[in-house]
Amino acid sequence: FKATAYPNPYAEAFKLDVKTSSEATIVMHVYDMLGKLIETKEVQPSDVNTLEVGASYPSGVYNVIVSQGDSLQTLRVIKR
């Protein structure tokens, strides 16, 4: 399980690239730097490449926690 966010930093929206061999649902939580939950999404592995996130966020730094089953990865993204 490996997740990356691109482009980073971003101006409009970012996408997730998730490499996984599992068919389990992927859950994404986005937090601001104060630790406040901004958004939660659940997507199927087949649909994750079309997911665009962050278009409505104000400029800043965000922690994106991507999980699938027991696998978890934290990504830091920056909106210009």
Protein backbone atom coordinates (compact mmCIF):
# COMPACT_ATOMS: atom_id res chain seq x y z
CA PHE A 1 0.00 0.00 0.00
CA LYS A 2 1.50 3.30 -1.10
CA ALA A 3 -0.29 6.64 -1.46
CA THR A 4 1.01 9.87 -3.00
CA ALA A 5 -0.66 13.23 -3.60
CA TYR A 6 0.03 15.24 -6.75
CA PRO A 7 0.64 17.95 -7.72
CA ASN A 8 2.10 19.16 -4.45
CA PRO A 9 2.05 22.07 -3.85
CA TYR A 10 -1.19 22.56 -5.77
CA ALA A 11 -3.24 25.55 -6.92
CA GLU A 12 -6.63 24.11 -8.00
CA ALA A 13 -7.08 20.57 -6.65
CA PHE A 14 -4.91 17.55 -5.95
CA LYS A 15 -5.32 13.90 -6.82
CA LEU A 16 -4.32 10.75 -4.98
CA ASP A 17 -2.28 7.98 -6.53
CA VAL A 18 -2.75 4.80 -4.50
CA LYS A 19 -0.84 1.63 -5.31
CA THR A 20 -2.55 -1.33 -3.66
CA SER A 21 -3.29 -4.97 -4.27
CA SER A 22 -6.37 -4.93 -2.04
CA GLU A 23 -9.95 -4.32 -3.17
CA ALA A 24 -10.96 -2.84 0.22
CA THR A 25 -12.45 0.66 0.36
CA ILE A 26 -9.92 3.50 0.63
CA VAL A 27 -10.75 6.11 3.28
CA MET A 28 -9.28 9.61 3.17
CA HIS A 29 -9.41 12.18 6.00
CA VAL A 30 -8.13 15.72 5.45
CA TYR A 31 -7.09 17.84 8.45
CA ASP A 32 -5.89 21.42 8.62
CA MET A 33 -2.80 22.38 10.63
CA LEU A 34 -4.91 22.96 13.73
CA GLY A 35 -6.03 19.34 13.60
CA LYS A 36 -9.57 20.17 12.49
CA LEU A 37 -11.20 17.59 10.20
CA ILE A 38 -11.96 19.29 6.88
CA GLU A 39 -13.22 16.42 4.74
CA THR A 40 -13.72 12.65 4.74
CA LYS A 41 -14.15 10.54 1.61
CA GLU A 42 -14.51 6.84 0.93
CA VAL A 43 -13.63 5.57 -2.54
CA GLN A 44 -13.16 2.24 -4.22
CA PRO A 45 -9.60 1.47 -5.42
CA SER A 46 -10.83 1.52 -9.04
CA ASP A 47 -12.21 5.08 -8.62
CA VAL A 48 -9.38 6.70 -6.66
CA ASN A 49 -7.56 8.01 -9.75
CA THR A 50 -10.55 10.19 -10.72
CA LEU A 51 -10.91 11.73 -7.25
CA GLU A 52 -10.03 15.43 -7.05
CA VAL A 53 -9.68 16.97 -3.61
CA GLY A 54 -9.04 20.38 -2.12
CA ALA A 55 -10.55 22.77 -4.65
CA SER A 56 -12.61 24.55 -1.97
CA TYR A 57 -9.87 24.68 0.68
CA PRO A 58 -8.23 27.98 1.62
CA SER A 59 -4.48 28.32 1.03
CA GLY A 60 -2.48 26.44 3.64
CA VAL A 61 -0.95 23.14 4.67
CA TYR A 62 -3.07 20.01 5.11
CA ASN A 63 -2.49 16.52 6.49
CA VAL A 64 -4.16 13.84 4.39
CA ILE A 65 -4.54 10.46 6.08
CA VAL A 66 -5.17 7.69 3.57
CA SER A 67 -6.10 4.27 4.91
CA GLN A 68 -7.17 0.92 3.56
CA GLY A 69 -7.81 -1.91 5.98
CA ASP A 70 -4.83 -2.02 8.38
CA SER A 71 -2.62 0.13 6.10
CA LEU A 72 -2.34 3.84 6.83
CA GLN A 73 -0.27 6.63 5.34
CA THR A 74 -0.11 10.35 6.17
CA LEU A 75 0.60 12.84 3.38
CA ARG A 76 1.21 16.56 3.72
CA VAL A 77 -0.12 18.75 0.92
CA ILE A 78 0.23 22.49 0.42
CA LYS A 79 -2.31 24.71 -1.32
CA ARG A 80 -0.79 27.87 -2.76
